């Protein structure tokens, strides 16, 4: 079984959120996501979830 590289895990999952409407991935500060200050580039909505780790 392969070991997980911390630098790669941070690059793939840190501060990455997914739009609940169109599933576009965006990188943003979690505080701004909670305050709903970030808009989706594709659809313009402000609802995001954290990316799921595989």
Protein backbone atom coordinates (compact mmCIF):
# COMPACT_ATOMS: atom_id res chain seq x y z
CA UNK A 1 0.00 0.00 0.00
CA UNK A 2 1.35 3.42 -0.94
CA UNK A 3 2.04 6.05 1.68
CA UNK A 4 0.31 9.40 1.42
CA UNK A 5 2.55 12.35 0.73
CA UNK A 6 1.55 15.35 2.90
CA UNK A 7 2.50 17.92 0.25
CA UNK A 8 0.33 16.22 -2.34
CA UNK A 9 -2.60 15.87 0.07
CA UNK A 10 -2.41 19.58 0.90
CA UNK A 11 -2.29 20.53 -2.77
CA UNK A 12 -5.30 18.40 -3.67
CA UNK A 13 -7.59 18.95 -0.68
CA UNK A 14 -6.62 22.05 1.31
CA UNK A 15 -9.10 24.94 0.85
CA UNK A 16 -10.83 23.19 -2.09
CA UNK A 17 -14.62 23.38 -2.23
CA UNK A 18 -17.21 22.07 -4.70
CA UNK A 19 -20.29 23.96 -5.88
CA UNK A 20 -23.45 22.13 -4.82
CA UNK A 21 -25.23 23.12 -8.02
CA UNK A 22 -22.76 22.57 -10.87
CA UNK A 23 -19.93 20.59 -9.17
CA UNK A 24 -17.21 23.08 -10.09
CA UNK A 25 -14.11 22.93 -7.89
CA UNK A 26 -12.85 26.20 -6.40
CA UNK A 27 -10.05 27.06 -4.03
CA UNK A 28 -11.02 29.61 -1.37
CA UNK A 29 -10.58 30.50 2.28
CA UNK A 30 -12.99 28.45 4.46
CA UNK A 31 -13.98 31.55 6.42
CA UNK A 32 -15.14 33.26 3.22
CA UNK A 33 -17.08 30.15 2.21
CA UNK A 34 -18.93 30.17 5.54
CA UNK A 35 -19.67 33.89 5.23
CA UNK A 36 -20.97 33.23 1.68
CA UNK A 37 -18.65 35.84 0.14
CA UNK A 38 -17.47 33.50 -2.64
CA UNK A 39 -19.47 33.03 -5.83
CA UNK A 40 -19.17 30.11 -8.24
CA UNK A 41 -17.41 31.07 -11.49
CA UNK A 42 -19.71 28.92 -13.57
CA UNK A 43 -23.24 29.34 -12.16
CA UNK A 44 -22.94 32.28 -9.73
CA UNK A 45 -24.39 30.51 -6.68
CA UNK A 46 -22.87 30.72 -3.20
CA UNK A 47 -23.44 27.19 -1.91
CA UNK A 48 -20.34 25.02 -1.53
CA UNK A 49 -19.27 21.83 0.20
CA UNK A 50 -15.84 20.49 1.06
CA UNK A 51 -14.26 18.16 -1.48
CA UNK A 52 -14.50 14.46 -0.63
CA UNK A 53 -11.26 12.62 -0.07
CA UNK A 54 -10.96 9.35 -1.95
